[in-house]
Amino acid sequence: MSKKPQNYEEELRAIMNALAESVAEASDEEILEETRAQGKDPTEAAGRVRNVLLDAGKAYRQRRLREAQHQYESHIAAMGARTYNLPTSAIDRRRLLDLVLSRQPAMRSALTAQYRQFTSLTETDVESCLKQLQELGLLDELSKSHEEKK
């Protein structure tokens, strides 16, 4: 005779359900008495349970935030690994950024929120802006419109 393989998850679920039912059926006095019999303070135990439930609720509410953070980090890592076709000199990169901002005035207000004053942009900031603009396809549009004028 062949035995049916044990389903441990199902058995565990049945045990957990039985425990939950026994707690749900117990009176408050019985639960308090059992907690004290184990040498625990019911107020402290209740606080720990409350914190576990609050933490679980918070973790559930923040799941989309964690997913978005993970996607953002993946995108930033991909940007770091990607090769960009940018001018090699710092002066030329700054000129390119100025050109983009002069042709796309709406971008200036978007970037101003991130970099309060354009005069204080570091070379790293300029390069980062240009990479982000290339990611958005704005540098491609600029080069297309520049080629069409030729």
N, C-alpha and C. Protein backbone atom coordinates (compact mmCIF):
# COMPACT_ATOMS: atom_id res chain seq x y z
N MET A 1 0.83 -1.18 0.00
CA MET A 1 0.00 0.00 0.00
C MET A 1 0.87 1.24 0.00
N SER A 2 0.54 2.16 -0.90
CA SER A 2 1.32 3.40 -0.95
C SER A 2 0.67 4.45 -0.06
N LYS A 3 1.52 5.10 0.70
CA LYS A 3 1.03 6.16 1.57
C LYS A 3 0.96 7.47 0.79
N LYS A 4 -0.02 8.24 1.12
CA LYS A 4 -0.14 9.56 0.54
C LYS A 4 0.95 10.43 1.17
N PRO A 5 1.72 11.19 0.37
CA PRO A 5 2.77 12.02 0.96
C PRO A 5 2.19 13.06 1.90
N GLN A 6 2.92 13.29 2.98
CA GLN A 6 2.44 14.26 3.96
C GLN A 6 2.55 15.67 3.41
N ASN A 7 1.53 16.44 3.67
CA ASN A 7 1.53 17.84 3.29
C ASN A 7 1.74 18.65 4.57
N TYR A 8 3.00 18.97 4.85
CA TYR A 8 3.35 19.62 6.10
C TYR A 8 2.74 21.02 6.21
N GLU A 9 2.65 21.70 5.11
CA GLU A 9 2.05 23.05 5.15
C GLU A 9 0.58 22.97 5.56
N GLU A 10 -0.11 21.99 5.03
CA GLU A 10 -1.52 21.81 5.38
C GLU A 10 -1.67 21.44 6.86
N GLU A 11 -0.78 20.58 7.34
CA GLU A 11 -0.82 20.21 8.76
C GLU A 11 -0.53 21.42 9.65
N LEU A 12 0.45 22.20 9.28
CA LEU A 12 0.78 23.40 10.05
C LEU A 12 -0.39 24.38 10.04
N ARG A 13 -1.01 24.54 8.90
CA ARG A 13 -2.17 25.43 8.80
C ARG A 13 -3.29 24.95 9.71
N ALA A 14 -3.52 23.64 9.75
CA ALA A 14 -4.57 23.08 10.62
C ALA A 14 -4.25 23.34 12.09
N ILE A 15 -2.99 23.18 12.47
CA ILE A 15 -2.58 23.45 13.86
C ILE A 15 -2.79 24.92 14.19
N MET A 16 -2.36 25.80 13.30
CA MET A 16 -2.49 27.25 13.53
C MET A 16 -3.97 27.64 13.63
N ASN A 17 -4.79 27.07 12.78
CA ASN A 17 -6.24 27.36 12.84
C ASN A 17 -6.83 26.88 14.16
N ALA A 18 -6.42 25.71 14.63
CA ALA A 18 -6.92 25.19 15.90
C ALA A 18 -6.49 26.09 17.06
N LEU A 19 -5.24 26.54 17.03
CA LEU A 19 -4.77 27.46 18.06
C LEU A 19 -5.56 28.77 18.04
N ALA A 20 -5.77 29.29 16.85
CA ALA A 20 -6.53 30.54 16.72
C ALA A 20 -7.95 30.38 17.25
N GLU A 21 -8.56 29.24 16.94
CA GLU A 21 -9.92 28.99 17.43
C GLU A 21 -9.95 28.88 18.95
N SER A 22 -8.94 28.20 19.52
CA SER A 22 -8.93 28.05 20.99
C SER A 22 -8.76 29.39 21.67
N VAL A 23 -7.95 30.26 21.10
CA VAL A 23 -7.76 31.61 21.66
C VAL A 23 -9.04 32.43 21.47
N ALA A 24 -9.65 32.31 20.32
CA ALA A 24 -10.88 33.08 20.06
C ALA A 24 -12.01 32.64 20.98
N GLU A 25 -12.04 31.36 21.33
CA GLU A 25 -13.10 30.85 22.19
C GLU A 25 -12.84 31.09 23.68
N ALA A 26 -11.60 31.37 24.04
CA ALA A 26 -11.24 31.56 25.45
C ALA A 26 -11.73 32.93 25.92
N SER A 27 -12.09 32.98 27.18
CA SER A 27 -12.53 34.25 27.76
C SER A 27 -11.30 35.10 28.07
N ASP A 28 -11.52 36.38 28.27
CA ASP A 28 -10.43 37.29 28.62
C ASP A 28 -9.74 36.83 29.91
N GLU A 29 -10.55 36.40 30.87
CA GLU A 29 -10.00 35.97 32.14
C GLU A 29 -9.09 34.76 31.96
N GLU A 30 -9.50 33.81 31.11
CA GLU A 30 -8.69 32.61 30.86
C GLU A 30 -7.34 32.98 30.22
N ILE A 31 -7.38 33.91 29.29
CA ILE A 31 -6.15 34.33 28.60
C ILE A 31 -5.22 35.04 29.59
N LEU A 32 -5.79 35.93 30.43
CA LEU A 32 -4.99 36.63 31.43
C LEU A 32 -4.37 35.64 32.43
N GLU A 33 -5.18 34.68 32.86
CA GLU A 33 -4.70 33.68 33.81
C GLU A 33 -3.57 32.84 33.21
N GLU A 34 -3.74 32.43 31.96
CA GLU A 34 -2.71 31.62 31.30
C GLU A 34 -1.43 32.42 31.11
N THR A 35 -1.56 33.68 30.77
CA THR A 35 -0.38 34.54 30.59
C THR A 35 0.37 34.70 31.90
N ARG A 36 -0.36 34.94 32.97
CA ARG A 36 0.27 35.09 34.28
C ARG A 36 0.90 33.77 34.73
N ALA A 37 0.26 32.64 34.41
CA ALA A 37 0.78 31.32 34.79
C ALA A 37 2.13 31.06 34.10
N GLN A 38 2.33 31.68 32.95
CA GLN A 38 3.60 31.53 32.24
C GLN A 38 4.64 32.52 32.76
N GLY A 39 4.26 33.30 33.77
CA GLY A 39 5.20 34.25 34.36
C GLY A 39 5.38 35.51 33.55
N LYS A 40 4.39 35.84 32.75
CA LYS A 40 4.49 37.04 31.90
C LYS A 40 3.49 38.08 32.36
N ASP A 41 3.83 39.33 32.11
CA ASP A 41 2.93 40.44 32.42
C ASP A 41 1.98 40.61 31.24
N PRO A 42 0.66 40.50 31.46
CA PRO A 42 -0.30 40.62 30.36
C PRO A 42 -0.21 41.96 29.63
N THR A 43 0.10 43.04 30.35
CA THR A 43 0.20 44.36 29.71
C THR A 43 1.38 44.39 28.74
N GLU A 44 2.52 43.83 29.19
CA GLU A 44 3.70 43.78 28.31
C GLU A 44 3.44 42.88 27.11
N ALA A 45 2.82 41.74 27.34
CA ALA A 45 2.52 40.81 26.25
C ALA A 45 1.58 41.48 25.24
N ALA A 46 0.58 42.19 25.76
CA ALA A 46 -0.37 42.88 24.87
C ALA A 46 0.37 43.95 24.06
N GLY A 47 1.31 44.65 24.69
CA GLY A 47 2.09 45.67 23.98
C GLY A 47 2.92 45.08 22.86
N ARG A 48 3.54 43.91 23.14
CA ARG A 48 4.34 43.25 22.11
C ARG A 48 3.45 42.81 20.94
N VAL A 49 2.30 42.24 21.24
CA VAL A 49 1.37 41.81 20.19
C VAL A 49 0.91 43.02 19.38
N ARG A 50 0.57 44.10 20.08
CA ARG A 50 0.12 45.33 19.41
C ARG A 50 1.21 45.84 18.46
N ASN A 51 2.47 45.83 18.93
CA ASN A 51 3.57 46.30 18.08
C ASN A 51 3.78 45.41 16.86
N VAL A 52 3.65 44.10 17.05
CA VAL A 52 3.78 43.18 15.92
C VAL A 52 2.69 43.47 14.88
N LEU A 53 1.47 43.66 15.35
CA LEU A 53 0.37 43.93 14.43
C LEU A 53 0.54 45.29 13.74
N LEU A 54 0.96 46.30 14.49
CA LEU A 54 1.19 47.61 13.90
C LEU A 54 2.31 47.56 12.85
N ASP A 55 3.39 46.84 13.18
CA ASP A 55 4.50 46.70 12.24
C ASP A 55 4.06 45.97 10.97
N ALA A 56 3.24 44.94 11.14
CA ALA A 56 2.74 44.20 9.98
C ALA A 56 1.86 45.09 9.11
N GLY A 57 1.01 45.88 9.76
CA GLY A 57 0.14 46.80 9.01
C GLY A 57 0.95 47.85 8.26
N LYS A 58 1.96 48.38 8.93
CA LYS A 58 2.82 49.39 8.31
C LYS A 58 3.58 48.79 7.12
N ALA A 59 4.11 47.59 7.31
CA ALA A 59 4.83 46.92 6.23
C ALA A 59 3.91 46.69 5.03
N TYR A 60 2.68 46.32 5.30
CA TYR A 60 1.72 46.09 4.21
C TYR A 60 1.42 47.40 3.47
N ARG A 61 1.21 48.47 4.24
CA ARG A 61 0.89 49.76 3.61
C ARG A 61 2.08 50.30 2.81
N GLN A 62 3.29 49.95 3.19
CA GLN A 62 4.47 50.48 2.52
C GLN A 62 5.01 49.57 1.42
N ARG A 63 4.29 48.52 1.09
CA ARG A 63 4.81 47.58 0.10
C ARG A 63 5.01 48.24 -1.26
N ARG A 64 4.10 49.12 -1.67
CA ARG A 64 4.25 49.79 -2.96
C ARG A 64 5.45 50.75 -2.94
N LEU A 65 5.65 51.38 -1.80
CA LEU A 65 6.80 52.26 -1.64
C LEU A 65 8.10 51.47 -1.79
N ARG A 66 8.17 50.31 -1.16
CA ARG A 66 9.36 49.47 -1.28
C ARG A 66 9.57 49.00 -2.72
N GLU A 67 8.48 48.65 -3.40
CA GLU A 67 8.58 48.23 -4.80
C GLU A 67 9.09 49.38 -5.66
N ALA A 68 8.56 50.58 -5.43
CA ALA A 68 9.01 51.75 -6.19
C ALA A 68 10.48 52.05 -5.91
N GLN A 69 10.89 51.93 -4.65
CA GLN A 69 12.29 52.15 -4.28
C GLN A 69 13.19 51.15 -4.99
N HIS A 70 12.75 49.90 -5.04
CA HIS A 70 13.54 48.86 -5.71
C HIS A 70 13.65 49.17 -7.21
N GLN A 71 12.55 49.56 -7.84
CA GLN A 71 12.58 49.91 -9.26
C GLN A 71 13.50 51.10 -9.51
N TYR A 72 13.42 52.09 -8.63
CA TYR A 72 14.27 53.28 -8.77
C TYR A 72 15.74 52.88 -8.68
N GLU A 73 16.09 52.07 -7.68
CA GLU A 73 17.48 51.65 -7.52
C GLU A 73 17.95 50.83 -8.72
N SER A 74 17.08 49.99 -9.26
CA SER A 74 17.44 49.21 -10.45
C SER A 74 17.68 50.12 -11.64
N HIS A 75 16.82 51.13 -11.78
CA HIS A 75 16.95 52.07 -12.89
C HIS A 75 18.24 52.88 -12.76
N ILE A 76 18.55 53.33 -11.56
CA ILE A 76 19.79 54.09 -11.33
C ILE A 76 21.01 53.21 -11.61
N ALA A 77 20.96 51.96 -11.20
CA ALA A 77 22.07 51.04 -11.47
C ALA A 77 22.23 50.83 -12.97
N ALA A 78 21.11 50.71 -13.68
CA ALA A 78 21.17 50.54 -15.14
C ALA A 78 21.75 51.79 -15.80
N MET A 79 21.36 52.96 -15.28
CA MET A 79 21.91 54.21 -15.83
C MET A 79 23.42 54.27 -15.61
N GLY A 80 23.87 53.80 -14.46
CA GLY A 80 25.30 53.82 -14.16
C GLY A 80 26.09 52.89 -15.06
N ALA A 81 25.47 51.82 -15.50
CA ALA A 81 26.15 50.85 -16.35
C ALA A 81 26.08 51.21 -17.83
N ARG A 82 25.15 52.08 -18.19
CA ARG A 82 24.93 52.45 -19.59
C ARG A 82 26.01 53.43 -20.06
N THR A 83 26.29 53.40 -21.35
CA THR A 83 27.24 54.33 -21.96
C THR A 83 26.45 55.48 -22.57
N TYR A 84 26.90 56.70 -22.30
CA TYR A 84 26.21 57.88 -22.81
C TYR A 84 27.12 58.61 -23.80
N ASN A 85 26.50 59.17 -24.81
CA ASN A 85 27.23 59.91 -25.83
C ASN A 85 27.19 61.39 -25.45
N LEU A 86 28.11 61.78 -24.56
CA LEU A 86 28.16 63.15 -24.08
C LEU A 86 29.50 63.76 -24.46
N PRO A 87 29.55 65.08 -24.55
CA PRO A 87 30.83 65.73 -24.82
C PRO A 87 31.86 65.35 -23.76
N THR A 88 33.12 65.29 -24.18
CA THR A 88 34.16 64.86 -23.27
C THR A 88 34.63 65.96 -22.33
N SER A 89 34.58 67.20 -22.76
CA SER A 89 35.06 68.28 -21.89
C SER A 89 33.93 68.84 -21.05
N ALA A 90 34.28 69.31 -19.87
CA ALA A 90 33.31 69.88 -18.94
C ALA A 90 32.65 71.13 -19.53
N ILE A 91 33.42 71.94 -20.24
CA ILE A 91 32.88 73.17 -20.85
C ILE A 91 31.84 72.81 -21.90
N ASP A 92 32.14 71.82 -22.73
CA ASP A 92 31.19 71.40 -23.77
C ASP A 92 29.92 70.79 -23.16
N ARG A 93 30.07 70.05 -22.07
CA ARG A 93 28.88 69.48 -21.41
C ARG A 93 27.99 70.60 -20.85
N ARG A 94 28.63 71.62 -20.26
CA ARG A 94 27.86 72.76 -19.73
C ARG A 94 27.16 73.50 -20.86
N ARG A 95 27.85 73.68 -21.99
CA ARG A 95 27.24 74.35 -23.16
C ARG A 95 26.04 73.55 -23.67
N LEU A 96 26.21 72.23 -23.72
CA LEU A 96 25.10 71.38 -24.16
C LEU A 96 23.90 71.52 -23.25
N LEU A 97 24.14 71.52 -21.94
CA LEU A 97 23.04 71.69 -20.99
C LEU A 97 22.37 73.04 -21.18
N ASP A 98 23.16 74.10 -21.36
CA ASP A 98 22.59 75.43 -21.60
C ASP A 98 21.76 75.45 -22.88
N LEU A 99 22.24 74.76 -23.92
CA LEU A 99 21.52 74.69 -25.18
C LEU A 99 20.18 73.99 -25.01
N VAL A 100 20.20 72.86 -24.31
CA VAL A 100 18.96 72.12 -24.07
C VAL A 100 17.96 72.98 -23.31
N LEU A 101 18.45 73.66 -22.28
CA LEU A 101 17.56 74.47 -21.45
C LEU A 101 17.04 75.69 -22.20
N SER A 102 17.82 76.21 -23.13
CA SER A 102 17.34 77.35 -23.91
C SER A 102 16.28 76.92 -24.92
N ARG A 103 16.41 75.69 -25.44
CA ARG A 103 15.42 75.18 -26.41
C ARG A 103 14.22 74.53 -25.73
N GLN A 104 14.38 74.11 -24.51
CA GLN A 104 13.29 73.47 -23.74
C GLN A 104 13.10 74.25 -22.43
N PRO A 105 12.51 75.44 -22.47
CA PRO A 105 12.39 76.25 -21.25
C PRO A 105 11.66 75.54 -20.12
N ALA A 106 10.76 74.64 -20.43
CA ALA A 106 10.03 73.93 -19.39
C ALA A 106 10.98 73.06 -18.55
N MET A 107 12.05 72.61 -19.17
CA MET A 107 13.02 71.79 -18.44
C MET A 107 13.74 72.61 -17.37
N ARG A 108 13.93 73.89 -17.63
CA ARG A 108 14.63 74.74 -16.67
C ARG A 108 13.87 74.77 -15.34
N SER A 109 12.54 74.92 -15.41
CA SER A 109 11.78 74.96 -14.16
C SER A 109 11.78 73.61 -13.47
N ALA A 110 11.78 72.51 -14.24
CA ALA A 110 11.83 71.18 -13.63
C ALA A 110 13.19 70.95 -12.96
N LEU A 111 14.26 71.37 -13.60
CA LEU A 111 15.59 71.18 -13.03
C LEU A 111 15.87 72.17 -11.91
N THR A 112 15.25 73.33 -11.96
CA THR A 112 15.45 74.32 -10.90
C THR A 112 14.98 73.77 -9.57
N ALA A 113 13.95 72.95 -9.59
CA ALA A 113 13.47 72.35 -8.35
C ALA A 113 14.54 71.47 -7.72
N GLN A 114 15.32 70.80 -8.57
CA GLN A 114 16.36 69.91 -8.06
C GLN A 114 17.66 70.67 -7.76
N TYR A 115 18.02 71.59 -8.64
CA TYR A 115 19.27 72.35 -8.50
C TYR A 115 18.92 73.83 -8.40
N ARG A 116 18.74 74.31 -7.21
CA ARG A 116 18.22 75.65 -6.96
C ARG A 116 18.79 76.72 -7.88
N GLN A 117 20.08 76.79 -8.01
CA GLN A 117 20.69 77.78 -8.87
C GLN A 117 21.60 77.06 -9.85
N PHE A 118 21.45 77.38 -11.12
CA PHE A 118 22.27 76.70 -12.12
C PHE A 118 23.73 77.13 -12.05
N THR A 119 24.00 78.26 -11.41
CA THR A 119 25.38 78.73 -11.31
C THR A 119 26.19 77.84 -10.36
N SER A 120 25.51 77.15 -9.47
CA SER A 120 26.24 76.33 -8.50
C SER A 120 26.27 74.85 -8.87
N LEU A 121 25.95 74.53 -10.11
CA LEU A 121 26.00 73.13 -10.54
C LEU A 121 27.44 72.65 -10.63
N THR A 122 27.72 71.53 -10.01
CA THR A 122 29.05 70.93 -10.14
C THR A 122 29.12 70.21 -11.47
N GLU A 123 30.33 69.81 -11.86
CA GLU A 123 30.49 69.06 -13.10
C GLU A 123 29.72 67.74 -13.04
N THR A 124 29.68 67.14 -11.86
CA THR A 124 28.94 65.90 -11.67
C THR A 124 27.45 66.14 -11.87
N ASP A 125 26.94 67.28 -11.35
CA ASP A 125 25.53 67.63 -11.53
C ASP A 125 25.19 67.82 -13.00
N VAL A 126 26.08 68.52 -13.72
CA VAL A 126 25.86 68.77 -15.15
C VAL A 126 25.80 67.44 -15.90
N GLU A 127 26.76 66.58 -15.61
CA GLU A 127 26.79 65.27 -16.28
C GLU A 127 25.55 64.45 -15.94
N SER A 128 25.14 64.48 -14.68
CA SER A 128 23.95 63.74 -14.25
C SER A 128 22.70 64.27 -14.97
N CYS A 129 22.59 65.59 -15.06
CA CYS A 129 21.44 66.19 -15.78
C CYS A 129 21.42 65.73 -17.23
N LEU A 130 22.58 65.78 -17.88
CA LEU A 130 22.64 65.39 -19.28
C LEU A 130 22.29 63.91 -19.47
N LYS A 131 22.75 63.07 -18.55
CA LYS A 131 22.41 61.65 -18.65
C LYS A 131 20.90 61.45 -18.49
N GLN A 132 20.30 62.17 -17.55
CA GLN A 132 18.86 62.06 -17.35
C GLN A 132 18.11 62.58 -18.57
N LEU A 133 18.59 63.67 -19.16
CA LEU A 133 17.95 64.21 -20.37
C LEU A 133 18.08 63.23 -21.53
N GLN A 134 19.22 62.56 -21.61
CA GLN A 134 19.39 61.56 -22.66
C GLN A 134 18.46 60.37 -22.42
N GLU A 135 18.31 59.96 -21.16
CA GLU A 135 17.37 58.89 -20.82
C GLU A 135 15.96 59.24 -21.27
N LEU A 136 15.59 60.52 -21.12
CA LEU A 136 14.26 60.98 -21.51
C LEU A 136 14.12 61.17 -23.01
N GLY A 137 15.23 61.09 -23.73
CA GLY A 137 15.20 61.25 -25.18
C GLY A 137 15.30 62.69 -25.64
N LEU A 138 15.51 63.64 -24.73
CA LEU A 138 15.57 65.04 -25.11
C LEU A 138 16.84 65.40 -25.86
N LEU A 139 17.93 64.72 -25.56
CA LEU A 139 19.16 65.00 -26.31
C LEU A 139 19.06 64.45 -27.72
N ASP A 140 18.33 63.33 -27.88
CA ASP A 140 18.11 62.78 -29.22
C ASP A 140 17.29 63.75 -30.06
N GLU A 141 16.25 64.33 -29.46
CA GLU A 141 15.41 65.31 -30.16
C GLU A 141 16.23 66.52 -30.55
N LEU A 142 17.11 66.95 -29.68
CA LEU A 142 17.96 68.11 -29.94
C LEU A 142 18.89 67.83 -31.10
N SER A 143 19.49 66.66 -31.14
CA SER A 143 20.42 66.34 -32.23
C SER A 143 19.65 66.16 -33.55
N LYS A 144 18.43 65.64 -33.50
CA LYS A 144 17.61 65.52 -34.72
C LYS A 144 17.26 66.88 -35.28
N SER A 145 16.82 67.79 -34.40
CA SER A 145 16.45 69.12 -34.86
C SER A 145 17.67 69.89 -35.34
N HIS A 146 18.85 69.60 -34.75
CA HIS A 146 20.10 70.25 -35.17
C HIS A 146 20.49 69.74 -36.57
N GLU A 147 20.30 68.44 -36.83
CA GLU A 147 20.63 67.86 -38.14
C GLU A 147 19.67 68.34 -39.21
N GLU A 148 18.38 68.56 -38.84
CA GLU A 148 17.40 69.04 -39.81
C GLU A 148 17.69 70.46 -40.25
N LYS A 149 18.30 71.26 -39.40
CA LYS A 149 18.62 72.65 -39.75
C LYS A 149 19.80 72.72 -40.69
N LYS A 150 20.64 71.67 -40.74
CA LYS A 150 21.83 71.69 -41.61
C LYS A 150 21.47 71.61 -43.05
